[in-house]
Amino acid sequence: MISPESIPIALGQEDDGRWWADIESMPGVMAYGPTREAAISAVRALALRVAADSIDHGEEVPPQFEKVFSIA
């Protein structure tokens, strides 16, 4: 089973010290944080919100989340 934690995240640090995290396979899913860990947490939360919003609106689930839930 795939988990949200297995989705690749690109990281970087701005000149002002802020960290950014980006899920390149999900356009627009990028977040900033004062620390590396905060940026990772923020982008994971955003990715989950995007997936939940898609489900709520009957839209196609982002491919990264298609195998997160298995139907028994």
C-alpha atoms as a PDB file:
ATOM      1  CA  MET A   1       0.000   0.000   0.000  1.00  0.00           C
ATOM      2  CA  ILE A   2       1.156   3.521  -0.762  1.00  0.00           C
ATOM      3  CA  SER A   3       1.006   6.184   1.929  1.00  0.00           C
ATOM      4  CA  PRO A   4       1.055   9.990   1.688  1.00  0.00           C
ATOM      5  CA  GLU A   5       4.520   9.847   3.252  1.00  0.00           C
ATOM      6  CA  SER A   6       5.847   7.978   0.196  1.00  0.00           C
ATOM      7  CA  ILE A   7       5.035  10.827  -2.232  1.00  0.00           C
ATOM      8  CA  PRO A   8       8.296  12.586  -3.221  1.00  0.00           C
ATOM      9  CA  ILE A   9       8.801  16.106  -1.875  1.00  0.00           C
ATOM     10  CA  ALA A  10      11.350  18.573  -3.253  1.00  0.00           C
ATOM     11  CA  LEU A  11      12.901  20.889  -0.648  1.00  0.00           C
ATOM     12  CA  GLY A  12      14.836  24.109  -0.696  1.00  0.00           C
ATOM     13  CA  GLN A  13      15.784  27.086   1.423  1.00  0.00           C
ATOM     14  CA  GLU A  14      15.292  30.747   0.500  1.00  0.00           C
ATOM     15  CA  ASP A  15      17.935  33.416   1.085  1.00  0.00           C
ATOM     16  CA  ASP A  16      15.879  34.713   4.026  1.00  0.00           C
ATOM     17  CA  GLY A  17      16.083  31.318   5.752  1.00  0.00           C
ATOM     18  CA  ARG A  18      12.552  30.088   5.024  1.00  0.00           C
ATOM     19  CA  TRP A  19      12.209  26.538   3.768  1.00  0.00           C
ATOM     20  CA  TRP A  20       9.934  25.530   0.895  1.00  0.00           C
ATOM     21  CA  ALA A  21       8.508  22.109   0.098  1.00  0.00           C
ATOM     22  CA  ASP A  22       6.971  21.193  -3.240  1.00  0.00           C
ATOM     23  CA  ILE A  23       5.182  18.109  -4.488  1.00  0.00           C
ATOM     24  CA  GLU A  24       6.169  18.487  -8.119  1.00  0.00           C
ATOM     25  CA  SER A  25       3.737  15.805  -9.279  1.00  0.00           C
ATOM     26  CA  MET A  26       0.830  17.886  -7.883  1.00  0.00           C
ATOM     27  CA  PRO A  27       0.873  21.329  -9.537  1.00  0.00           C
ATOM     28  CA  GLY A  28       0.276  24.125  -7.039  1.00  0.00           C
ATOM     29  CA  VAL A  29       1.019  22.011  -3.973  1.00  0.00           C
ATOM     30  CA  MET A  30       3.837  24.004  -2.396  1.00  0.00           C
ATOM     31  CA  ALA A  31       4.262  25.352   1.118  1.00  0.00           C
ATOM     32  CA  TYR A  32       6.716  27.374   3.175  1.00  0.00           C
ATOM     33  CA  GLY A  33       7.837  26.999   6.766  1.00  0.00           C
ATOM     34  CA  PRO A  34      10.369  28.445   9.173  1.00  0.00           C
ATOM     35  CA  THR A  35      12.065  25.039   9.385  1.00  0.00           C
ATOM     36  CA  ARG A  36      12.555  22.104   7.032  1.00  0.00           C
ATOM     37  CA  GLU A  37      10.195  19.985   9.114  1.00  0.00           C
ATOM     38  CA  ALA A  38       7.510  22.697   9.188  1.00  0.00           C
ATOM     39  CA  ALA A  39       7.600  23.037   5.397  1.00  0.00           C
ATOM     40  CA  ILE A  40       7.305  19.255   4.965  1.00  0.00           C
ATOM     41  CA  SER A  41       4.352  19.090   7.371  1.00  0.00           C
ATOM     42  CA  ALA A  42       2.647  22.004   5.642  1.00  0.00           C
ATOM     43  CA  VAL A  43       2.999  20.562   2.138  1.00  0.00           C
ATOM     44  CA  ARG A  44       1.792  17.110   3.263  1.00  0.00           C
ATOM     45  CA  ALA A  45      -1.265  18.705   4.875  1.00  0.00           C
ATOM     46  CA  LEU A  46      -1.942  20.723   1.719  1.00  0.00           C
ATOM     47  CA  ALA A  47      -1.684  17.621  -0.477  1.00  0.00           C
ATOM     48  CA  LEU A  48      -4.204  15.825   1.727  1.00  0.00           C
ATOM     49  CA  ARG A  49      -6.543  18.834   1.558  1.00  0.00           C
ATOM     50  CA  VAL A  50      -6.315  18.876  -2.245  1.00  0.00           C
ATOM     51  CA  ALA A  51      -7.129  15.154  -2.383  1.00  0.00           C
ATOM     52  CA  ALA A  52     -10.027  15.534   0.088  1.00  0.00           C
ATOM     53  CA  ASP A  53     -11.414  18.504  -1.836  1.00  0.00           C
ATOM     54  CA  SER A  54     -11.338  16.461  -5.043  1.00  0.00           C
ATOM     55  CA  ILE A  55     -13.258  13.644  -3.352  1.00  0.00           C
ATOM     56  CA  ASP A  56     -15.792  16.068  -1.827  1.00  0.00           C
ATOM     57  CA  HIS A  57     -16.518  17.581  -5.227  1.00  0.00           C
ATOM     58  CA  GLY A  58     -16.735  14.289  -7.105  1.00  0.00           C
ATOM     59  CA  GLU A  59     -13.598  15.058  -9.055  1.00  0.00           C
ATOM     60  CA  GLU A  60     -10.856  12.660 -10.010  1.00  0.00           C
ATOM     61  CA  VAL A  61      -8.526  11.914  -7.103  1.00  0.00           C
ATOM     62  CA  PRO A  62      -4.936  13.034  -7.726  1.00  0.00           C
ATOM     63  CA  PRO A  63      -3.050   9.975  -9.037  1.00  0.00           C
ATOM     64  CA  GLN A  64      -0.672  10.060  -6.062  1.00  0.00           C
ATOM     65  CA  PHE A  65      -3.596   9.144  -3.808  1.00  0.00           C
ATOM     66  CA  GLU A  66      -5.320   6.517  -5.957  1.00  0.00           C
ATOM     67  CA  LYS A  67      -3.630   3.662  -4.088  1.00  0.00           C
ATOM     68  CA  VAL A  68      -3.561   5.197  -0.613  1.00  0.00           C
ATOM     69  CA  PHE A  69      -6.927   3.636   0.217  1.00  0.00           C
ATOM     70  CA  SER A  70      -7.690   0.027  -0.628  1.00  0.00           C
ATOM     71  CA  ILE A  71     -11.242  -1.263  -0.855  1.00  0.00           C
ATOM     72  CA  ALA A  72     -11.742  -4.572   0.960  1.00  0.00           C
END
